[in-house]
Amino acid sequence: MQIPVRLSAALAQISGTPRLQVTVSDGATVADVIEALTALYPDLASRLQRAVPMVAGRHAAPEDRINDGEEVAFLLPVAGGAR
C-alpha cells in the first residue's frame, strides 16, 4: 500500500523533500514505514529514532498499524529552557 509521509523541516533537509510516499505491505506498522524511509534515506535513521510519529494527526507508537492512504508524519521534539 502507498503511505504518504510528511517530514519536519530538519528531516526534510536530509531527504530533500518534506513530502513523499513509501510502499509498505498491507497491515504495515509505523515501524515498517520507518524501515522503508531508512532504506531510501539511510542518513535519516538516527533522527527517526528520536522523531515523534503521528498517524492521521494523532500520536502513534511504532507498533501501531496504518491504514492504506493514512498520512504518517514525523516531527522532531524541540528542547529548550530558561536560563
PDB file of N, CA and C in Angstrom:
ATOM      1  N   MET A   1       0.834  -1.179   0.000  1.00  0.00           N
ATOM      2  CA  MET A   1       0.000   0.000   0.000  1.00  0.00           C
ATOM      3  C   MET A   1       0.879   1.242   0.000  1.00  0.00           C
ATOM      4  N   GLN A   2       0.332   2.316  -0.504  1.00  0.00           N
ATOM      5  CA  GLN A   2       1.058   3.584  -0.586  1.00  0.00           C
ATOM      6  C   GLN A   2       0.727   4.432   0.644  1.00  0.00           C
ATOM      7  N   ILE A   3       1.765   4.888   1.321  1.00  0.00           N
ATOM      8  CA  ILE A   3       1.589   5.705   2.517  1.00  0.00           C
ATOM      9  C   ILE A   3       2.229   7.064   2.282  1.00  0.00           C
ATOM     10  N   PRO A   4       1.442   8.147   2.358  1.00  0.00           N
ATOM     11  CA  PRO A   4       2.036   9.478   2.278  1.00  0.00           C
ATOM     12  C   PRO A   4       2.774   9.789   3.578  1.00  0.00           C
ATOM     13  N   VAL A   5       3.944  10.378   3.443  1.00  0.00           N
ATOM     14  CA  VAL A   5       4.784  10.705   4.599  1.00  0.00           C
ATOM     15  C   VAL A   5       5.105  12.188   4.564  1.00  0.00           C
ATOM     16  N   ARG A   6       5.008  12.812   5.732  1.00  0.00           N
ATOM     17  CA  ARG A   6       5.385  14.222   5.876  1.00  0.00           C
ATOM     18  C   ARG A   6       6.513  14.292   6.895  1.00  0.00           C
ATOM     19  N   LEU A   7       7.568  15.008   6.542  1.00  0.00           N
ATOM     20  CA  LEU A   7       8.739  15.130   7.404  1.00  0.00           C
ATOM     21  C   LEU A   7       8.881  16.558   7.910  1.00  0.00           C
ATOM     22  N   SER A   8       9.314  16.695   9.160  1.00  0.00           N
ATOM     23  CA  SER A   8       9.589  18.025   9.701  1.00  0.00           C
ATOM     24  C   SER A   8      10.732  18.654   8.907  1.00  0.00           C
ATOM     25  N   ALA A   9      10.925  19.944   9.085  1.00  0.00           N
ATOM     26  CA  ALA A   9      11.925  20.678   8.297  1.00  0.00           C
ATOM     27  C   ALA A   9      13.320  20.075   8.414  1.00  0.00           C
ATOM     28  N   ALA A  10      13.735  19.721   9.619  1.00  0.00           N
ATOM     29  CA  ALA A  10      15.084  19.166   9.808  1.00  0.00           C
ATOM     30  C   ALA A  10      15.238  17.824   9.089  1.00  0.00           C
ATOM     31  N   LEU A  11      14.199  17.007   9.110  1.00  0.00           N
ATOM     32  CA  LEU A  11      14.254  15.725   8.406  1.00  0.00           C
ATOM     33  C   LEU A  11      14.189  15.926   6.896  1.00  0.00           C
ATOM     34  N   ALA A  12      13.415  16.910   6.470  1.00  0.00           N
ATOM     35  CA  ALA A  12      13.297  17.204   5.039  1.00  0.00           C
ATOM     36  C   ALA A  12      14.619  17.686   4.453  1.00  0.00           C
ATOM     37  N   GLN A  13      15.441  18.320   5.268  1.00  0.00           N
ATOM     38  CA  GLN A  13      16.763  18.738   4.781  1.00  0.00           C
ATOM     39  C   GLN A  13      17.596  17.525   4.402  1.00  0.00           C
ATOM     40  N   ILE A  14      17.431  16.439   5.113  1.00  0.00           N
ATOM     41  CA  ILE A  14      18.194  15.221   4.828  1.00  0.00           C
ATOM     42  C   ILE A  14      17.627  14.510   3.597  1.00  0.00           C
ATOM     43  N   SER A  15      16.305  14.406   3.528  1.00  0.00           N
ATOM     44  CA  SER A  15      15.679  13.680   2.414  1.00  0.00           C
ATOM     45  C   SER A  15      15.593  14.515   1.142  1.00  0.00           C
ATOM     46  N   GLY A  16      15.625  15.837   1.313  1.00  0.00           N
ATOM     47  CA  GLY A  16      15.498  16.720   0.160  1.00  0.00           C
ATOM     48  C   GLY A  16      14.060  17.075  -0.180  1.00  0.00           C
ATOM     49  N   THR A  17      13.111  16.555   0.603  1.00  0.00           N
ATOM     50  CA  THR A  17      11.696  16.846   0.361  1.00  0.00           C
ATOM     51  C   THR A  17      10.901  16.689   1.656  1.00  0.00           C
ATOM     52  N   PRO A  18       9.910  17.551   1.880  1.00  0.00           N
ATOM     53  CA  PRO A  18       9.100  17.413   3.090  1.00  0.00           C
ATOM     54  C   PRO A  18       7.970  16.387   2.950  1.00  0.00           C
ATOM     55  N   ARG A  19       7.637  16.018   1.718  1.00  0.00           N
ATOM     56  CA  ARG A  19       6.544  15.066   1.483  1.00  0.00           C
ATOM     57  C   ARG A  19       6.988  14.005   0.479  1.00  0.00           C
ATOM     58  N   LEU A  20       6.641  12.767   0.777  1.00  0.00           N
ATOM     59  CA  LEU A  20       6.959  11.670  -0.123  1.00  0.00           C
ATOM     60  C   LEU A  20       5.990  10.530   0.135  1.00  0.00           C
ATOM     61  N   GLN A  21       6.108   9.476  -0.627  1.00  0.00           N
ATOM     62  CA  GLN A  21       5.290   8.284  -0.427  1.00  0.00           C
ATOM     63  C   GLN A  21       6.207   7.082  -0.324  1.00  0.00           C
ATOM     64  N   VAL A  22       5.828   6.160   0.550  1.00  0.00           N
ATOM     65  CA  VAL A  22       6.561   4.899   0.645  1.00  0.00           C
ATOM     66  C   VAL A  22       5.573   3.763   0.411  1.00  0.00           C
ATOM     67  N   THR A  23       6.089   2.673  -0.079  1.00  0.00           N
ATOM     68  CA  THR A  23       5.279   1.483  -0.308  1.00  0.00           C
ATOM     69  C   THR A  23       5.584   0.481   0.790  1.00  0.00           C
ATOM     70  N   VAL A  24       4.535   0.022   1.458  1.00  0.00           N
ATOM     71  CA  VAL A  24       4.663  -0.984   2.514  1.00  0.00           C
ATOM     72  C   VAL A  24       3.585  -2.042   2.303  1.00  0.00           C
ATOM     73  N   SER A  25       3.735  -3.166   2.958  1.00  0.00           N
ATOM     74  CA  SER A  25       2.760  -4.256   2.847  1.00  0.00           C
ATOM     75  C   SER A  25       1.473  -3.909   3.581  1.00  0.00           C
ATOM     76  N   ASP A  26       0.385  -4.539   3.179  1.00  0.00           N
ATOM     77  CA  ASP A  26      -0.872  -4.396   3.920  1.00  0.00           C
ATOM     78  C   ASP A  26      -0.635  -4.805   5.372  1.00  0.00           C
ATOM     79  N   GLY A  27      -1.259  -4.093   6.288  1.00  0.00           N
ATOM     80  CA  GLY A  27      -1.083  -4.390   7.706  1.00  0.00           C
ATOM     81  C   GLY A  27       0.197  -3.822   8.282  1.00  0.00           C
ATOM     82  N   ALA A  28       0.848  -2.925   7.549  1.00  0.00           N
ATOM     83  CA  ALA A  28       2.123  -2.357   8.000  1.00  0.00           C
ATOM     84  C   ALA A  28       1.934  -1.503   9.249  1.00  0.00           C
ATOM     85  N   THR A  29       3.031  -1.335   9.959  1.00  0.00           N
ATOM     86  CA  THR A  29       3.054  -0.527  11.173  1.00  0.00           C
ATOM     87  C   THR A  29       3.910   0.715  10.948  1.00  0.00           C
ATOM     88  N   VAL A  30       3.896   1.591  11.931  1.00  0.00           N
ATOM     89  CA  VAL A  30       4.763   2.770  11.888  1.00  0.00           C
ATOM     90  C   VAL A  30       6.219   2.328  11.752  1.00  0.00           C
ATOM     91  N   ALA A  31       6.606   1.273  12.451  1.00  0.00           N
ATOM     92  CA  ALA A  31       7.981   0.763  12.360  1.00  0.00           C
ATOM     93  C   ALA A  31       8.320   0.347  10.929  1.00  0.00           C
ATOM     94  N   ASP A  32       7.360  -0.207  10.204  1.00  0.00           N
ATOM     95  CA  ASP A  32       7.590  -0.589   8.808  1.00  0.00           C
ATOM     96  C   ASP A  32       7.820   0.642   7.931  1.00  0.00           C
ATOM     97  N   VAL A  33       7.099   1.718   8.216  1.00  0.00           N
ATOM     98  CA  VAL A  33       7.296   2.965   7.468  1.00  0.00           C
ATOM     99  C   VAL A  33       8.688   3.520   7.756  1.00  0.00           C
ATOM    100  N   ILE A  34       9.106   3.470   9.012  1.00  0.00           N
ATOM    101  CA  ILE A  34      10.454   3.928   9.375  1.00  0.00           C
ATOM    102  C   ILE A  34      11.501   3.107   8.627  1.00  0.00           C
ATOM    103  N   GLU A  35      11.302   1.803   8.566  1.00  0.00           N
ATOM    104  CA  GLU A  35      12.239   0.928   7.848  1.00  0.00           C
ATOM    105  C   GLU A  35      12.295   1.289   6.364  1.00  0.00           C
ATOM    106  N   ALA A  36      11.143   1.550   5.762  1.00  0.00           N
ATOM    107  CA  ALA A  36      11.104   1.930   4.344  1.00  0.00           C
ATOM    108  C   ALA A  36      11.806   3.266   4.115  1.00  0.00           C
ATOM    109  N   LEU A  37      11.605   4.214   5.027  1.00  0.00           N
ATOM    110  CA  LEU A  37      12.263   5.521   4.898  1.00  0.00           C
ATOM    111  C   LEU A  37      13.776   5.408   5.025  1.00  0.00           C
ATOM    112  N   THR A  38      14.239   4.612   5.981  1.00  0.00           N
ATOM    113  CA  THR A  38      15.687   4.489   6.165  1.00  0.00           C
ATOM    114  C   THR A  38      16.332   3.705   5.023  1.00  0.00           C
ATOM    115  N   ALA A  39      15.566   2.844   4.355  1.00  0.00           N
ATOM    116  CA  ALA A  39      16.098   2.165   3.170  1.00  0.00           C
ATOM    117  C   ALA A  39      16.316   3.174   2.044  1.00  0.00           C
ATOM    118  N   LEU A  40      15.406   4.143   1.929  1.00  0.00           N
ATOM    119  CA  LEU A  40      15.538   5.183   0.901  1.00  0.00           C
ATOM    120  C   LEU A  40      16.560   6.246   1.278  1.00  0.00           C
ATOM    121  N   TYR A  41      16.593   6.597   2.556  1.00  0.00           N
ATOM    122  CA  TYR A  41      17.447   7.685   3.057  1.00  0.00           C
ATOM    123  C   TYR A  41      18.161   7.217   4.322  1.00  0.00           C
ATOM    124  N   PRO A  42      19.259   6.477   4.194  1.00  0.00           N
ATOM    125  CA  PRO A  42      19.953   5.938   5.365  1.00  0.00           C
ATOM    126  C   PRO A  42      20.346   6.998   6.398  1.00  0.00           C
ATOM    127  N   ASP A  43      20.612   8.218   5.948  1.00  0.00           N
ATOM    128  CA  ASP A  43      21.013   9.271   6.886  1.00  0.00           C
ATOM    129  C   ASP A  43      19.875   9.700   7.815  1.00  0.00           C
ATOM    130  N   LEU A  44      18.657   9.290   7.535  1.00  0.00           N
ATOM    131  CA  LEU A  44      17.528   9.612   8.413  1.00  0.00           C
ATOM    132  C   LEU A  44      17.456   8.701   9.638  1.00  0.00           C
ATOM    133  N   ALA A  45      18.115   7.570   9.605  1.00  0.00           N
ATOM    134  CA  ALA A  45      17.938   6.529  10.624  1.00  0.00           C
ATOM    135  C   ALA A  45      18.052   7.050  12.051  1.00  0.00           C
ATOM    136  N   SER A  46      19.131   7.733  12.380  1.00  0.00           N
ATOM    137  CA  SER A  46      19.317   8.164  13.770  1.00  0.00           C
ATOM    138  C   SER A  46      18.300   9.223  14.178  1.00  0.00           C
ATOM    139  N   ARG A  47      17.925  10.077  13.258  1.00  0.00           N
ATOM    140  CA  ARG A  47      16.946  11.128  13.594  1.00  0.00           C
ATOM    141  C   ARG A  47      15.536  10.560  13.729  1.00  0.00           C
ATOM    142  N   LEU A  48      15.203   9.572  12.918  1.00  0.00           N
ATOM    143  CA  LEU A  48      13.874   8.973  13.038  1.00  0.00           C
ATOM    144  C   LEU A  48      13.708   8.242  14.362  1.00  0.00           C
ATOM    145  N   GLN A  49      14.809   7.789  14.949  1.00  0.00           N
ATOM    146  CA  GLN A  49      14.752   7.150  16.269  1.00  0.00           C
ATOM    147  C   GLN A  49      14.221   8.118  17.325  1.00  0.00           C
ATOM    148  N   ARG A  50      14.505   9.416  17.140  1.00  0.00           N
ATOM    149  CA  ARG A  50      14.088  10.443  18.109  1.00  0.00           C
ATOM    150  C   ARG A  50      12.796  11.144  17.705  1.00  0.00           C
ATOM    151  N   ALA A  51      12.341  10.904  16.496  1.00  0.00           N
ATOM    152  CA  ALA A  51      11.162  11.610  15.987  1.00  0.00           C
ATOM    153  C   ALA A  51       9.879  11.097  16.648  1.00  0.00           C
ATOM    154  N   VAL A  52       8.898  11.979  16.696  1.00  0.00           N
ATOM    155  CA  VAL A  52       7.574  11.627  17.204  1.00  0.00           C
ATOM    156  C   VAL A  52       6.690  11.301  15.996  1.00  0.00           C
ATOM    157  N   PRO A  53       6.244  10.042  15.882  1.00  0.00           N
ATOM    158  CA  PRO A  53       5.387   9.698  14.745  1.00  0.00           C
ATOM    159  C   PRO A  53       3.934  10.086  15.015  1.00  0.00           C
ATOM    160  N   MET A  54       3.281  10.549  13.970  1.00  0.00           N
ATOM    161  CA  MET A  54       1.864  10.899  14.021  1.00  0.00           C
ATOM    162  C   MET A  54       1.188  10.178  12.855  1.00  0.00           C
ATOM    163  N   VAL A  55       0.071   9.543  13.117  1.00  0.00           N
ATOM    164  CA  VAL A  55      -0.707   8.887  12.065  1.00  0.00           C
ATOM    165  C   VAL A  55      -2.079   9.547  12.033  1.00  0.00           C
ATOM    166  N   ALA A  56      -2.419  10.084  10.882  1.00  0.00           N
ATOM    167  CA  ALA A  56      -3.705  10.767  10.712  1.00  0.00           C
ATOM    168  C   ALA A  56      -3.900  11.835  11.788  1.00  0.00           C
ATOM    169  N   GLY A  57      -2.817  12.539  12.131  1.00  0.00           N
ATOM    170  CA  GLY A  57      -2.891  13.640  13.082  1.00  0.00           C
ATOM    171  C   GLY A  57      -2.871  13.253  14.546  1.00  0.00           C
ATOM    172  N   ARG A  58      -2.660  11.976  14.853  1.00  0.00           N
ATOM    173  CA  ARG A  58      -2.617  11.518  16.250  1.00  0.00           C
ATOM    174  C   ARG A  58      -1.268  10.880  16.554  1.00  0.00           C
ATOM    175  N   HIS A  59      -0.816  11.041  17.796  1.00  0.00           N
ATOM    176  CA  HIS A  59       0.433  10.395  18.209  1.00  0.00           C
ATOM    177  C   HIS A  59       0.312   8.900  17.963  1.00  0.00           C
ATOM    178  N   ALA A  60       1.414   8.296  17.552  1.00  0.00           N
ATOM    179  CA  ALA A  60       1.403   6.867  17.243  1.00  0.00           C
ATOM    180  C   ALA A  60       2.646   6.205  17.823  1.00  0.00           C
ATOM    181  N   ALA A  61       2.519   4.933  18.113  1.00  0.00           N
ATOM    182  CA  ALA A  61       3.635   4.113  18.584  1.00  0.00           C
ATOM    183  C   ALA A  61       4.158   3.291  17.406  1.00  0.00           C
ATOM    184  N   PRO A  62       5.406   2.820  17.496  1.00  0.00           N
ATOM    185  CA  PRO A  62       5.975   2.038  16.391  1.00  0.00           C
ATOM    186  C   PRO A  62       5.137   0.820  16.001  1.00  0.00           C
ATOM    187  N   GLU A  63       4.444   0.234  16.959  1.00  0.00           N
ATOM    188  CA  GLU A  63       3.665  -0.976  16.667  1.00  0.00           C
ATOM    189  C   GLU A  63       2.262  -0.687  16.130  1.00  0.00           C
ATOM    190  N   ASP A  64       1.874   0.579  16.053  1.00  0.00           N
ATOM    191  CA  ASP A  64       0.545   0.933  15.550  1.00  0.00           C
ATOM    192  C   ASP A  64       0.429   0.636  14.054  1.00  0.00           C
ATOM    193  N   ARG A  65      -0.672   0.017  13.676  1.00  0.00           N
ATOM    194  CA  ARG A  65      -0.927  -0.300  12.269  1.00  0.00           C
ATOM    195  C   ARG A  65      -1.426   0.936  11.528  1.00  0.00           C
ATOM    196  N   ILE A  66      -1.153   0.950  10.228  1.00  0.00           N
ATOM    197  CA  ILE A  66      -1.525   2.072   9.375  1.00  0.00           C
ATOM    198  C   ILE A  66      -2.500   1.568   8.320  1.00  0.00           C
ATOM    199  N   ASN A  67      -3.530   2.349   8.080  1.00  0.00           N
ATOM    200  CA  ASN A  67      -4.480   2.030   7.012  1.00  0.00           C
ATOM    201  C   ASN A  67      -3.995   2.643   5.705  1.00  0.00           C
ATOM    202  N   ASP A  68      -4.355   2.011   4.612  1.00  0.00           N
ATOM    203  CA  ASP A  68      -3.953   2.493   3.291  1.00  0.00           C
ATOM    204  C   ASP A  68      -4.336   3.960   3.121  1.00  0.00           C
ATOM    205  N   GLY A  69      -3.375   4.774   2.726  1.00  0.00           N
ATOM    206  CA  GLY A  69      -3.614   6.186   2.464  1.00  0.00           C
ATOM    207  C   GLY A  69      -3.503   7.102   3.664  1.00  0.00           C
ATOM    208  N   GLU A  70      -3.410   6.567   4.888  1.00  0.00           N
ATOM    209  CA  GLU A  70      -3.251   7.428   6.060  1.00  0.00           C
ATOM    210  C   GLU A  70      -1.879   8.089   6.030  1.00  0.00           C
ATOM    211  N   GLU A  71      -1.844   9.378   6.297  1.00  0.00           N
ATOM    212  CA  GLU A  71      -0.565  10.089   6.315  1.00  0.00           C
ATOM    213  C   GLU A  71       0.175   9.804   7.615  1.00  0.00           C
ATOM    214  N   VAL A  72       1.471   9.571   7.482  1.00  0.00           N
ATOM    215  CA  VAL A  72       2.348   9.418   8.640  1.00  0.00           C
ATOM    216  C   VAL A  72       3.295  10.611   8.637  1.00  0.00           C
ATOM    217  N   ALA A  73       3.319  11.335   9.744  1.00  0.00           N
ATOM    218  CA  ALA A  73       4.206  12.488   9.876  1.00  0.00           C
ATOM    219  C   ALA A  73       5.240  12.181  10.948  1.00  0.00           C
ATOM    220  N   PHE A  74       6.429  12.715  10.759  1.00  0.00           N
ATOM    221  CA  PHE A  74       7.496  12.561  11.742  1.00  0.00           C
ATOM    222  C   PHE A  74       7.962  13.941  12.157  1.00  0.00           C
ATOM    223  N   LEU A  75       7.824  14.233  13.446  1.00  0.00           N
ATOM    224  CA  LEU A  75       8.188  15.531  13.998  1.00  0.00           C
ATOM    225  C   LEU A  75       9.317  15.344  14.992  1.00  0.00           C
ATOM    226  N   LEU A  76      10.298  16.222  14.936  1.00  0.00           N
ATOM    227  CA  LEU A  76      11.387  16.170  15.906  1.00  0.00           C
ATOM    228  C   LEU A  76      11.020  17.028  17.104  1.00  0.00           C
ATOM    229  N   PRO A  77      11.219  16.497  18.317  1.00  0.00           N
ATOM    230  CA  PRO A  77      10.925  17.296  19.501  1.00  0.00           C
ATOM    231  C   PRO A  77      11.870  18.490  19.591  1.00  0.00           C
ATOM    232  N   VAL A  78      11.353  19.559  20.139  1.00  0.00           N
ATOM    233  CA  VAL A  78      12.146  20.770  20.322  1.00  0.00           C
ATOM    234  C   VAL A  78      12.436  20.900  21.805  1.00  0.00           C
ATOM    235  N   ALA A  79      13.694  21.122  22.138  1.00  0.00           N
ATOM    236  CA  ALA A  79      14.081  21.279  23.538  1.00  0.00           C
ATOM    237  C   ALA A  79      14.482  22.721  23.786  1.00  0.00           C
ATOM    238  N   GLY A  80      14.328  23.114  24.981  1.00  0.00           N
ATOM    239  CA  GLY A  80      14.716  24.469  25.347  1.00  0.00           C
ATOM    240  C   GLY A  80      14.524  24.645  26.832  1.00  0.00           C
ATOM    241  N   GLY A  81      14.794  25.821  27.290  1.00  0.00           N
ATOM    242  CA  GLY A  81      14.617  26.059  28.713  1.00  0.00           C
ATOM    243  C   GLY A  81      15.007  27.469  29.069  1.00  0.00           C
ATOM    244  N   ALA A  82      14.753  27.799  30.296  1.00  0.00           N
ATOM    245  CA  ALA A  82      15.076  29.133  30.793  1.00  0.00           C
ATOM    246  C   ALA A  82      16.498  29.152  31.315  1.00  0.00           C
ATOM    247  N   ARG A  83      17.042  30.321  31.303  1.00  0.00           N
ATOM    248  CA  ARG A  83      18.400  30.478  31.841  1.00  0.00           C
ATOM    249  C   ARG A  83      18.351  30.770  33.301  1.00  0.00           C
TER     250      ARG A  83
END
